[in-house]
PDB file of N, CA and C in Angstrom:
ATOM      1  N   MET A   1       1.061  -0.888   0.018  1.00  0.00           N
ATOM      2  CA  MET A   1      -0.036  -0.229   0.096  1.00  0.00           C
ATOM      3  C   MET A   1       1.032   1.140  -0.186  1.00  0.00           C
ATOM      4  N   VAL A   2       0.414   2.314  -0.777  1.00  0.00           N
ATOM      5  CA  VAL A   2       1.075   3.448  -0.731  1.00  0.00           C
ATOM      6  C   VAL A   2       0.232   4.693  -0.704  1.00  0.00           C
ATOM      7  N   GLY A   3       0.316   5.527  -0.256  1.00  0.00           N
ATOM      8  CA  GLY A   3      -0.314   6.973   0.308  1.00  0.00           C
ATOM      9  C   GLY A   3      -0.300   7.430   1.251  1.00  0.00           C
ATOM     10  N   SER A   4      -0.724   8.773   1.018  1.00  0.00           N
ATOM     11  CA  SER A   4      -0.410   9.769   2.166  1.00  0.00           C
ATOM     12  C   SER A   4      -1.125   9.724   3.564  1.00  0.00           C
ATOM     13  N   ARG A   5      -2.377   8.429   3.354  1.00  0.00           N
ATOM     14  CA  ARG A   5      -3.167   8.170   4.655  1.00  0.00           C
ATOM     15  C   ARG A   5      -3.190   6.636   4.847  1.00  0.00           C
ATOM     16  N   VAL A   6      -1.962   6.003   3.870  1.00  0.00           N
ATOM     17  CA  VAL A   6      -2.025   4.380   4.151  1.00  0.00           C
ATOM     18  C   VAL A   6      -1.906   3.643   5.562  1.00  0.00           C
ATOM     19  N   GLY A   7      -1.372   4.574   6.319  1.00  0.00           N
ATOM     20  CA  GLY A   7      -1.641   4.267   8.042  1.00  0.00           C
ATOM     21  C   GLY A   7      -3.097   3.594   8.256  1.00  0.00           C
ATOM     22  N   GLU A   8      -3.928   4.346   8.074  1.00  0.00           N
ATOM     23  CA  GLU A   8      -5.477   3.648   8.341  1.00  0.00           C
ATOM     24  C   GLU A   8      -5.756   2.856   7.988  1.00  0.00           C
ATOM     25  N   LEU A   9      -5.281   2.592   6.597  1.00  0.00           N
ATOM     26  CA  LEU A   9      -5.690   1.025   6.001  1.00  0.00           C
ATOM     27  C   LEU A   9      -4.578   0.057   6.288  1.00  0.00           C
ATOM     28  N   LEU A  10      -3.432   0.526   6.538  1.00  0.00           N
ATOM     29  CA  LEU A  10      -2.465  -0.737   7.040  1.00  0.00           C
ATOM     30  C   LEU A  10      -2.847  -1.515   8.621  1.00  0.00           C
ATOM     31  N   ALA A  11      -3.667  -0.355   9.586  1.00  0.00           N
ATOM     32  CA  ALA A  11      -3.683  -0.963  10.846  1.00  0.00           C
ATOM     33  C   ALA A  11      -4.856  -2.045  10.570  1.00  0.00           C
ATOM     34  N   GLU A  12      -5.962  -1.576  10.016  1.00  0.00           N
ATOM     35  CA  GLU A  12      -7.274  -2.477   9.736  1.00  0.00           C
ATOM     36  C   GLU A  12      -6.601  -3.810   9.126  1.00  0.00           C
ATOM     37  N   ALA A  13      -5.850  -3.716   8.098  1.00  0.00           N
ATOM     38  CA  ALA A  13      -5.412  -4.914   7.344  1.00  0.00           C
ATOM     39  C   ALA A  13      -4.843  -5.682   8.096  1.00  0.00           C
ATOM     40  N   GLN A  14      -3.941  -4.861   8.838  1.00  0.00           N
ATOM     41  CA  GLN A  14      -3.019  -6.064   9.916  1.00  0.00           C
ATOM     42  C   GLN A  14      -3.757  -6.707  10.609  1.00  0.00           C
ATOM     43  N   LEU A  15      -4.662  -5.873  11.207  1.00  0.00           N
ATOM     44  CA  LEU A  15      -5.683  -6.731  12.340  1.00  0.00           C
ATOM     45  C   LEU A  15      -6.597  -8.091  11.530  1.00  0.00           C
ATOM     46  N   ILE A  16      -7.119  -7.962  10.426  1.00  0.00           N
ATOM     47  CA  ILE A  16      -7.882  -8.706   9.783  1.00  0.00           C
ATOM     48  C   ILE A  16      -6.711  -9.662   9.265  1.00  0.00           C
ATOM     49  N   PHE A  17      -5.752  -9.551   8.870  1.00  0.00           N
ATOM     50  CA  PHE A  17      -4.532 -10.524   8.474  1.00  0.00           C
ATOM     51  C   PHE A  17      -4.297 -11.671   9.751  1.00  0.00           C
ATOM     52  N   ASN A  18      -3.776 -11.057  10.883  1.00  0.00           N
ATOM     53  CA  ASN A  18      -3.514 -11.270  11.792  1.00  0.00           C
ATOM     54  C   ASN A  18      -4.767 -12.099  12.488  1.00  0.00           C
ATOM     55  N   TRP A  19      -5.723 -12.043  12.646  1.00  0.00           N
ATOM     56  CA  TRP A  19      -7.604 -12.413  13.075  1.00  0.00           C
ATOM     57  C   TRP A  19      -7.296 -13.819  12.221  1.00  0.00           C
ATOM     58  N   GLU A  20      -6.798 -13.768  10.899  1.00  0.00           N
ATOM     59  CA  GLU A  20      -7.047 -14.661  10.220  1.00  0.00           C
ATOM     60  C   GLU A  20      -8.551 -14.807   9.519  1.00  0.00           C
ATOM     61  N   ALA A  21      -9.052 -13.691   9.704  1.00  0.00           N
ATOM     62  CA  ALA A  21     -10.769 -13.273   9.644  1.00  0.00           C
ATOM     63  C   ALA A  21     -11.310 -13.350   8.028  1.00  0.00           C
ATOM     64  N   SER A  22     -12.404 -14.106   8.149  1.00  0.00           N
ATOM     65  CA  SER A  22     -13.168 -14.426   6.712  1.00  0.00           C
ATOM     66  C   SER A  22     -13.741 -13.184   6.580  1.00  0.00           C
ATOM     67  N   THR A  23     -14.285 -12.835   5.186  1.00  0.00           N
ATOM     68  CA  THR A  23     -15.200 -11.467   4.483  1.00  0.00           C
ATOM     69  C   THR A  23     -16.599 -11.649   5.553  1.00  0.00           C
ATOM     70  N   ASP A  24     -17.031 -12.661   6.132  1.00  0.00           N
ATOM     71  CA  ASP A  24     -18.280 -12.411   6.880  1.00  0.00           C
ATOM     72  C   ASP A  24     -17.916 -11.994   7.915  1.00  0.00           C
ATOM     73  N   ASP A  25     -16.801 -12.461   8.791  1.00  0.00           N
ATOM     74  CA  ASP A  25     -16.258 -11.883  10.145  1.00  0.00           C
ATOM     75  C   ASP A  25     -16.019 -10.288  10.071  1.00  0.00           C
ATOM     76  N   VAL A  26     -15.759  -9.768   9.173  1.00  0.00           N
ATOM     77  CA  VAL A  26     -15.200  -8.454   8.780  1.00  0.00           C
ATOM     78  C   VAL A  26     -16.577  -7.326   8.446  1.00  0.00           C
ATOM     79  N   ALA A  27     -17.369  -8.106   7.408  1.00  0.00           N
ATOM     80  CA  ALA A  27     -18.521  -7.302   6.838  1.00  0.00           C
ATOM     81  C   ALA A  27     -18.860  -6.611   7.588  1.00  0.00           C
ATOM     82  N   PRO A  28     -19.727  -7.402   9.065  1.00  0.00           N
ATOM     83  CA  PRO A  28     -20.781  -6.414   9.732  1.00  0.00           C
ATOM     84  C   PRO A  28     -19.897  -5.875  11.145  1.00  0.00           C
ATOM     85  N   LEU A  29     -18.841  -5.630  11.187  1.00  0.00           N
ATOM     86  CA  LEU A  29     -18.125  -4.764  11.821  1.00  0.00           C
ATOM     87  C   LEU A  29     -18.519  -3.456  11.285  1.00  0.00           C
ATOM     88  N   ILE A  30     -18.131  -2.124  12.187  1.00  0.00           N
ATOM     89  CA  ILE A  30     -18.469  -0.673  12.259  1.00  0.00           C
ATOM     90  C   ILE A  30     -17.390  -0.359  11.746  1.00  0.00           C
ATOM     91  N   HIS A  31     -17.534   0.651  10.364  1.00  0.00           N
ATOM     92  CA  HIS A  31     -16.271   1.206   9.831  1.00  0.00           C
ATOM     93  C   HIS A  31     -16.446   2.402   9.796  1.00  0.00           C
ATOM     94  N   ALA A  32     -15.812   3.519  10.413  1.00  0.00           N
ATOM     95  CA  ALA A  32     -16.485   4.934  10.407  1.00  0.00           C
ATOM     96  C   ALA A  32     -16.468   5.398   9.100  1.00  0.00           C
ATOM     97  N   HIS A  33     -17.408   6.459   9.072  1.00  0.00           N
ATOM     98  CA  HIS A  33     -17.734   7.196   7.755  1.00  0.00           C
ATOM     99  C   HIS A  33     -17.469   8.876   8.032  1.00  0.00           C
ATOM    100  N   PRO A  34     -16.824   9.456   7.339  1.00  0.00           N
ATOM    101  CA  PRO A  34     -15.867   8.932   6.195  1.00  0.00           C
ATOM    102  C   PRO A  34     -14.428   8.701   6.184  1.00  0.00           C
ATOM    103  N   THR A  35     -13.911   7.634   6.591  1.00  0.00           N
ATOM    104  CA  THR A  35     -12.438   7.206   6.390  1.00  0.00           C
ATOM    105  C   THR A  35     -12.027   6.004   5.280  1.00  0.00           C
ATOM    106  N   LEU A  36     -10.766   6.309   5.265  1.00  0.00           N
ATOM    107  CA  LEU A  36     -10.397   5.212   4.492  1.00  0.00           C
ATOM    108  C   LEU A  36     -10.528   3.655   5.057  1.00  0.00           C
ATOM    109  N   SER A  37     -10.645   2.975   6.083  1.00  0.00           N
ATOM    110  CA  SER A  37     -10.978   2.129   6.574  1.00  0.00           C
ATOM    111  C   SER A  37     -12.454   2.079   6.690  1.00  0.00           C
ATOM    112  N   GLU A  38     -13.094   2.680   6.318  1.00  0.00           N
ATOM    113  CA  GLU A  38     -14.761   2.359   5.420  1.00  0.00           C
ATOM    114  C   GLU A  38     -14.596   1.623   4.452  1.00  0.00           C
ATOM    115  N   ALA A  39     -13.593   1.825   3.014  1.00  0.00           N
ATOM    116  CA  ALA A  39     -13.291   1.442   2.195  1.00  0.00           C
ATOM    117  C   ALA A  39     -13.165  -0.086   2.299  1.00  0.00           C
ATOM    118  N   MET A  40     -12.091  -0.439   3.051  1.00  0.00           N
ATOM    119  CA  MET A  40     -11.733  -2.081   3.805  1.00  0.00           C
ATOM    120  C   MET A  40     -13.255  -2.675   4.063  1.00  0.00           C
ATOM    121  N   GLY A  41     -13.794  -2.058   4.826  1.00  0.00           N
ATOM    122  CA  GLY A  41     -15.156  -2.524   5.216  1.00  0.00           C
ATOM    123  C   GLY A  41     -15.970  -2.956   4.349  1.00  0.00           C
ATOM    124  N   GLU A  42     -16.068  -2.036   3.290  1.00  0.00           N
ATOM    125  CA  GLU A  42     -17.319  -1.887   1.886  1.00  0.00           C
ATOM    126  C   GLU A  42     -16.698  -3.309   1.161  1.00  0.00           C
ATOM    127  N   ALA A  43     -15.451  -3.370   1.155  1.00  0.00           N
ATOM    128  CA  ALA A  43     -14.819  -4.441   0.251  1.00  0.00           C
ATOM    129  C   ALA A  43     -15.114  -5.585   0.592  1.00  0.00           C
ATOM    130  N   HIS A  44     -15.032  -6.036   2.045  1.00  0.00           N
ATOM    131  CA  HIS A  44     -15.327  -7.277   2.702  1.00  0.00           C
ATOM    132  C   HIS A  44     -17.075  -7.300   2.677  1.00  0.00           C
ATOM    133  N   MET A  45     -17.781  -6.505   2.751  1.00  0.00           N
ATOM    134  CA  MET A  45     -19.156  -6.414   2.588  1.00  0.00           C
ATOM    135  C   MET A  45     -19.539  -7.021   1.078  1.00  0.00           C
ATOM    136  N   ALA A  46     -18.775  -6.649   0.148  1.00  0.00           N
ATOM    137  CA  ALA A  46     -18.992  -6.746  -1.492  1.00  0.00           C
ATOM    138  C   ALA A  46     -18.562  -8.500  -1.365  1.00  0.00           C
ATOM    139  N   LEU A  47     -17.567  -8.647  -0.858  1.00  0.00           N
ATOM    140  CA  LEU A  47     -17.060 -10.082  -0.971  1.00  0.00           C
ATOM    141  C   LEU A  47     -17.877 -10.767  -0.239  1.00  0.00           C
ATOM    142  N   ALA A  48     -18.681 -10.466   0.905  1.00  0.00           N
ATOM    143  CA  ALA A  48     -19.505 -11.105   1.525  1.00  0.00           C
ATOM    144  C   ALA A  48     -20.974 -11.137   0.799  1.00  0.00           C
ATOM    145  N   GLY A  49     -21.170 -10.807  -0.326  1.00  0.00           N
ATOM    146  CA  GLY A  49     -22.024 -10.885  -1.076  1.00  0.00           C
ATOM    147  C   GLY A  49     -23.411  -9.705  -0.419  1.00  0.00           C
ATOM    148  N   LYS A  50     -22.695  -9.056   0.348  1.00  0.00           N
ATOM    149  CA  LYS A  50     -23.855  -8.225   0.779  1.00  0.00           C
ATOM    150  C   LYS A  50     -23.414  -6.405   0.509  1.00  0.00           C
ATOM    151  N   PRO A  51     -22.856  -5.782  -0.547  1.00  0.00           N
ATOM    152  CA  PRO A  51     -22.283  -4.746  -1.015  1.00  0.00           C
ATOM    153  C   PRO A  51     -23.192  -3.618  -0.366  1.00  0.00           C
ATOM    154  N   LEU A  52     -22.761  -3.041   0.348  1.00  0.00           N
ATOM    155  CA  LEU A  52     -23.602  -1.542   0.681  1.00  0.00           C
ATOM    156  C   LEU A  52     -24.084  -0.606  -0.208  1.00  0.00           C
ATOM    157  N   HIS A  53     -22.818  -0.378  -1.536  1.00  0.00           N
ATOM    158  CA  HIS A  53     -22.946   0.529  -2.673  1.00  0.00           C
ATOM    159  C   HIS A  53     -22.931  -0.538  -3.842  1.00  0.00           C
ATOM    160  N   ALA A  54     -23.655  -0.700  -4.423  1.00  0.00           N
ATOM    161  CA  ALA A  54     -23.735  -1.627  -5.893  1.00  0.00           C
ATOM    162  C   ALA A  54     -24.253  -0.541  -6.935  1.00  0.00           C
ATOM    163  N   HIS A  55     -23.691  -0.720  -7.881  1.00  0.00           N
ATOM    164  CA  HIS A  55     -23.977  -0.196  -8.900  1.00  0.00           C
ATOM    165  C   HIS A  55     -24.399  -0.982 -10.519  1.00  0.00           C
ATOM    166  N   GLY A  56     -25.387  -0.916 -11.002  1.00  0.00           N
ATOM    167  CA  GLY A  56     -25.657  -1.377 -12.128  1.00  0.00           C
ATOM    168  C   GLY A  56     -26.679  -2.827 -11.926  1.00  0.00           C
TER     169      GLY A  56
END
């Protein structure tokens, strides 16, 4: 990951990785809005088949 606010994503990604969490584990958790970690939560919701924002 690269970017000016990447620390916000790294912290959550590290937790998910070390927890060995599945998409179903992460999807129902609260991800504050507006934050970059919200994008991590929405990605897991989409992977779990429950996208918050879907187009098409």
